[in-house]
N, C-alpha and C. Protein backbone atom coordinates (compact mmCIF):
# COMPACT_ATOMS: atom_id res chain seq x y z
N UNK A 1 30.81 38.88 -112.41
CA UNK A 1 31.43 39.17 -113.82
C UNK A 1 30.63 39.78 -115.12
N UNK A 2 30.19 41.27 -115.53
CA UNK A 2 29.71 41.18 -116.64
C UNK A 2 29.93 40.66 -117.99
N UNK A 3 29.32 40.46 -119.16
CA UNK A 3 29.36 40.08 -120.48
C UNK A 3 28.08 40.45 -121.47
N UNK A 4 28.66 41.45 -122.45
CA UNK A 4 27.97 41.55 -123.51
C UNK A 4 28.09 39.85 -124.88
N UNK A 5 26.47 39.94 -124.60
CA UNK A 5 26.40 38.75 -125.53
C UNK A 5 25.44 39.41 -127.16
N UNK A 6 26.06 39.30 -128.35
CA UNK A 6 25.65 39.80 -129.15
C UNK A 6 24.65 38.39 -129.69
N UNK A 7 23.49 37.99 -128.89
CA UNK A 7 22.33 37.06 -129.34
C UNK A 7 21.10 37.36 -130.29
N UNK A 8 20.79 36.31 -131.42
CA UNK A 8 19.44 36.30 -131.97
C UNK A 8 18.53 35.59 -131.09
N UNK A 9 17.61 36.70 -130.79
CA UNK A 9 16.49 36.87 -129.74
C UNK A 9 15.56 36.56 -130.47
N UNK A 10 14.87 34.56 -130.44
CA UNK A 10 13.91 34.50 -131.04
C UNK A 10 12.06 34.74 -130.03
N UNK A 11 12.70 34.54 -128.84
CA UNK A 11 11.38 35.07 -128.12
C UNK A 11 11.60 34.73 -126.36
N UNK A 12 10.53 35.00 -125.95
CA UNK A 12 10.98 34.94 -124.24
C UNK A 12 9.55 34.34 -123.16
N UNK A 13 9.88 34.37 -122.48
CA UNK A 13 8.49 33.55 -121.51
C UNK A 13 8.67 34.32 -120.01
N UNK A 14 7.97 34.42 -119.40
CA UNK A 14 7.92 35.22 -118.17
C UNK A 14 6.81 34.24 -117.37
N UNK A 15 6.72 34.22 -115.94
CA UNK A 15 6.19 34.43 -114.87
C UNK A 15 5.88 34.68 -113.26
N UNK A 16 5.06 34.28 -113.25
CA UNK A 16 5.08 34.87 -111.53
C UNK A 16 4.09 34.04 -110.40
N UNK A 17 5.19 33.51 -109.89
CA UNK A 17 4.56 32.52 -108.96
C UNK A 17 4.60 33.33 -107.40
N UNK A 18 3.27 33.72 -106.88
CA UNK A 18 3.47 33.85 -104.94
C UNK A 18 4.34 34.59 -105.07
N UNK A 19 4.31 35.59 -106.81
CA UNK A 19 4.73 37.20 -105.81
C UNK A 19 6.24 36.88 -106.53
N UNK A 20 7.09 35.84 -106.47
CA UNK A 20 8.28 36.09 -107.20
C UNK A 20 8.06 35.85 -109.01
N UNK A 21 8.59 36.80 -109.45
CA UNK A 21 8.52 37.12 -110.77
C UNK A 21 9.75 37.24 -111.67
N UNK A 22 9.33 36.42 -112.89
CA UNK A 22 11.23 37.07 -114.01
C UNK A 22 10.43 36.17 -114.91
N UNK A 23 11.72 36.24 -115.94
CA UNK A 23 11.56 35.56 -116.57
C UNK A 23 12.91 35.27 -117.43
N UNK A 24 12.74 34.37 -119.11
CA UNK A 24 13.59 34.27 -119.56
C UNK A 24 13.70 33.98 -121.03
N UNK A 25 15.14 34.95 -121.41
CA UNK A 25 14.73 34.56 -123.21
C UNK A 25 15.21 33.31 -124.19
N UNK A 26 14.75 33.57 -125.16
CA UNK A 26 15.16 32.32 -125.84
C UNK A 26 15.89 32.74 -126.88
N UNK A 27 17.57 32.44 -126.98
CA UNK A 27 18.42 33.29 -128.24
C UNK A 27 19.20 31.63 -128.84
N UNK A 28 19.61 32.19 -130.20
CA UNK A 28 20.44 30.60 -130.93
C UNK A 28 21.29 31.16 -131.53
N UNK A 29 22.49 30.24 -131.99
CA UNK A 29 23.41 30.36 -132.49
C UNK A 29 23.54 29.14 -133.49
N UNK A 30 23.96 29.00 -134.82
CA UNK A 30 24.14 28.10 -135.61
C UNK A 30 25.49 27.59 -134.98
N UNK A 31 25.38 26.16 -135.21
CA UNK A 31 25.77 24.90 -134.77
C UNK A 31 27.57 25.08 -135.30
N UNK A 32 28.09 25.12 -134.16
CA UNK A 32 30.39 25.37 -135.02
C UNK A 32 30.12 24.04 -136.04
N UNK A 33 30.74 24.32 -137.58
CA UNK A 33 30.70 23.74 -138.46
C UNK A 33 31.88 23.10 -138.29
N UNK A 34 32.26 22.90 -137.51
CA UNK A 34 33.22 21.63 -137.06
C UNK A 34 33.09 20.83 -136.11
N UNK A 35 31.67 20.32 -135.39
CA UNK A 35 31.00 19.51 -134.95
C UNK A 35 30.34 18.76 -135.70
N UNK A 36 30.63 17.94 -135.57
CA UNK A 36 30.19 16.51 -136.46
C UNK A 36 28.75 16.16 -135.67
N UNK A 37 28.50 16.43 -134.44
CA UNK A 37 27.37 15.33 -133.59
C UNK A 37 26.52 16.95 -133.78
N UNK A 38 26.47 18.13 -134.03
CA UNK A 38 25.53 18.79 -133.84
C UNK A 38 25.56 19.26 -135.35
N UNK A 39 23.79 19.98 -136.10
CA UNK A 39 23.52 20.56 -137.25
C UNK A 39 23.05 21.70 -136.80
N UNK A 40 22.24 22.10 -137.40
CA UNK A 40 21.47 22.87 -136.95
C UNK A 40 21.45 24.14 -136.26
N UNK A 41 20.50 25.07 -135.72
CA UNK A 41 20.62 26.06 -134.73
C UNK A 41 21.02 25.32 -133.30
N UNK A 42 21.62 25.51 -132.31
CA UNK A 42 21.85 25.80 -130.88
C UNK A 42 20.79 26.53 -130.05
N UNK A 43 19.96 26.53 -129.65
CA UNK A 43 18.85 27.34 -128.17
C UNK A 43 19.36 27.17 -127.68
N UNK A 44 19.44 28.26 -126.82
CA UNK A 44 19.98 28.64 -125.20
C UNK A 44 18.91 29.06 -124.64
N UNK A 45 18.48 29.71 -123.41
CA UNK A 45 17.50 29.61 -122.36
C UNK A 45 18.58 30.57 -121.58
N UNK A 46 18.16 32.29 -121.22
CA UNK A 46 19.05 32.44 -120.76
C UNK A 46 17.78 33.64 -119.02
N UNK A 47 17.84 34.14 -118.31
CA UNK A 47 17.41 34.73 -117.82
C UNK A 47 17.28 35.53 -117.46
N UNK A 48 16.17 36.06 -117.10
CA UNK A 48 15.99 37.75 -116.80
C UNK A 48 14.49 38.48 -116.19
N UNK A 49 14.41 39.04 -116.06
CA UNK A 49 13.79 40.01 -115.14
C UNK A 49 12.12 40.49 -115.63
N UNK A 50 11.24 39.85 -115.04
CA UNK A 50 9.50 40.92 -115.68
C UNK A 50 10.22 41.75 -116.79
N UNK A 51 10.75 42.99 -116.35
CA UNK A 51 10.43 43.96 -116.80
C UNK A 51 10.98 44.17 -118.57
N UNK A 52 12.01 42.88 -118.67
CA UNK A 52 12.96 42.59 -120.17
C UNK A 52 11.62 41.68 -120.69
N UNK A 53 10.41 41.44 -120.57
CA UNK A 53 9.54 40.55 -120.83
C UNK A 53 8.84 42.28 -121.37
N UNK A 54 8.20 42.84 -120.59
CA UNK A 54 7.94 44.01 -121.64
C UNK A 54 8.46 44.76 -122.74
N UNK A 55 9.96 44.55 -122.25
CA UNK A 55 10.64 45.52 -123.15
C UNK A 55 10.71 44.85 -124.47
N UNK A 56 10.75 43.82 -124.77
CA UNK A 56 10.60 42.77 -125.76
C UNK A 56 10.20 42.79 -126.47
N UNK A 57 8.44 42.86 -126.05
CA UNK A 57 7.16 43.17 -126.29
C UNK A 57 6.82 44.14 -127.88
N UNK A 58 7.84 45.42 -127.50
CA UNK A 58 8.10 45.91 -128.11
C UNK A 58 8.14 46.10 -129.52
N UNK A 59 9.13 45.15 -129.60
CA UNK A 59 10.28 44.36 -130.40
C UNK A 59 9.69 43.08 -130.98
N UNK A 60 8.45 42.72 -130.84
CA UNK A 60 7.84 41.35 -131.17
C UNK A 60 7.24 41.21 -133.01
N UNK A 61 7.07 42.44 -133.59
CA UNK A 61 6.97 42.25 -134.36
C UNK A 61 8.37 42.36 -135.81
N UNK A 62 8.83 42.03 -134.83
CA UNK A 62 11.27 41.89 -135.57
C UNK A 62 11.41 40.43 -135.21
N UNK A 63 10.83 39.80 -134.45
CA UNK A 63 11.48 38.50 -133.67
C UNK A 63 11.51 37.97 -135.12
N UNK A 64 12.68 36.89 -135.06
CA UNK A 64 13.51 37.01 -134.45
C UNK A 64 14.75 37.97 -134.85
N UNK A 65 15.87 38.61 -133.88
CA UNK A 65 16.40 40.27 -134.07
C UNK A 65 17.43 40.02 -132.85
N UNK A 66 18.52 40.72 -133.87
CA UNK A 66 20.00 40.83 -132.78
C UNK A 66 19.52 41.36 -131.80
N UNK A 67 20.26 41.55 -130.62
CA UNK A 67 19.95 41.96 -129.48
C UNK A 67 21.90 41.63 -128.84
N UNK A 68 22.06 43.37 -128.57
CA UNK A 68 23.38 43.11 -127.32
C UNK A 68 22.68 42.88 -126.02
N UNK A 69 23.16 41.86 -125.03
CA UNK A 69 22.37 41.85 -124.16
C UNK A 69 23.66 41.66 -122.69
N UNK A 70 23.97 42.26 -121.81
CA UNK A 70 24.25 42.38 -121.17
C UNK A 70 24.49 41.74 -120.05
N UNK A 71 25.13 40.97 -119.58
CA UNK A 71 24.79 39.97 -118.52
C UNK A 71 25.99 39.75 -118.15
N UNK A 72 24.87 38.62 -117.04
CA UNK A 72 26.35 38.38 -115.53
C UNK A 72 26.22 37.34 -115.78
N UNK A 73 27.34 36.48 -115.29
CA UNK A 73 27.48 35.25 -114.80
C UNK A 73 27.34 34.69 -114.12
N UNK A 74 26.17 33.25 -113.58
CA UNK A 74 26.52 33.08 -112.25
C UNK A 74 26.45 31.99 -112.45
N UNK A 75 26.46 31.11 -110.79
CA UNK A 75 27.06 29.73 -110.92
C UNK A 75 25.45 28.66 -111.03
N UNK A 76 25.07 27.61 -111.97
CA UNK A 76 24.09 27.37 -111.88
C UNK A 76 24.35 25.67 -111.27
N UNK A 77 22.81 25.20 -111.50
CA UNK A 77 22.89 23.20 -111.10
C UNK A 77 24.27 22.61 -111.75
N UNK A 78 24.52 22.10 -110.52
CA UNK A 78 25.68 20.99 -111.55
C UNK A 78 27.30 21.99 -111.75
N UNK A 79 27.32 23.09 -110.99
CA UNK A 79 28.53 23.60 -110.89
C UNK A 79 28.44 24.12 -112.51
N UNK A 80 27.80 24.64 -112.97
CA UNK A 80 27.26 24.41 -114.74
C UNK A 80 27.79 26.35 -114.51
N UNK A 81 28.13 27.10 -115.43
CA UNK A 81 27.52 28.45 -115.48
C UNK A 81 26.69 29.11 -116.64
N UNK A 82 25.67 29.51 -116.49
CA UNK A 82 24.12 30.15 -116.49
C UNK A 82 24.86 31.62 -116.45
N UNK A 83 23.95 32.32 -117.15
CA UNK A 83 23.49 34.13 -117.65
C UNK A 83 22.43 34.13 -117.11
N UNK A 84 22.29 35.86 -116.54
CA UNK A 84 21.19 35.81 -116.02
C UNK A 84 21.22 37.84 -117.33
N UNK A 85 20.15 38.28 -118.01
CA UNK A 85 19.84 39.16 -118.50
C UNK A 85 20.21 40.46 -117.64
N UNK A 86 21.17 41.72 -117.40
CA UNK A 86 20.66 42.19 -117.05
C UNK A 86 20.35 43.77 -117.76
N UNK A 87 20.39 43.49 -118.98
CA UNK A 87 20.08 44.82 -120.06
C UNK A 87 19.71 44.43 -121.42
N UNK A 88 18.96 44.84 -122.21
CA UNK A 88 18.99 44.23 -123.46
C UNK A 88 18.74 45.49 -124.51
N UNK A 89 19.91 46.08 -125.77
CA UNK A 89 18.90 46.73 -126.59
C UNK A 89 19.00 45.66 -127.50
N UNK A 90 18.49 46.39 -129.10
CA UNK A 90 18.69 45.59 -130.39
C UNK A 90 19.31 46.89 -130.95
N UNK A 91 19.61 45.62 -131.97
CA UNK A 91 21.32 45.45 -132.47
C UNK A 91 20.91 46.97 -133.78
N UNK A 92 19.72 46.21 -134.63
CA UNK A 92 19.35 47.32 -135.47
C UNK A 92 18.36 47.21 -136.03
N UNK A 93 17.53 47.52 -136.18
CA UNK A 93 15.82 47.65 -136.01
C UNK A 93 15.35 47.37 -137.94
N UNK A 94 16.61 48.08 -138.20
CA UNK A 94 16.20 47.95 -139.50
C UNK A 94 16.50 46.76 -140.80
N UNK A 95 17.07 46.05 -140.37
CA UNK A 95 16.81 44.20 -140.57
C UNK A 95 16.16 43.28 -139.81
N UNK A 96 15.78 42.65 -140.53
CA UNK A 96 14.95 41.34 -139.44
C UNK A 96 15.80 40.21 -140.23
N UNK A 97 16.04 39.62 -139.34
CA UNK A 97 16.88 38.63 -139.30
C UNK A 97 15.32 37.34 -140.08
N UNK A 98 16.53 36.17 -140.60
CA UNK A 98 16.38 35.52 -141.30
C UNK A 98 16.09 34.02 -140.78
N UNK A 99 15.18 33.10 -140.55
CA UNK A 99 16.13 31.90 -139.58
C UNK A 99 16.49 30.73 -141.01
């Protein structure tokens, strides 16, 4: 199942372990206002392909920035849902987010 996520991307990392290449996008969203157990921003990691890191590098001077991420839901450890980014596009390159 594919979903479109509006994410504030703050950075990314990638790896190459014995030819197995991949990466992670790091995004955040404000904590829910009615959740007394959280304050500030919630940070999340989304798996991605190696190529997405190179794509994001073209926007490094504008990070953090809003992106529309096409993502696939996958089963993760412990039966939890995880997302893998399939494609990503910057939303508005004229505005830089304020953290």
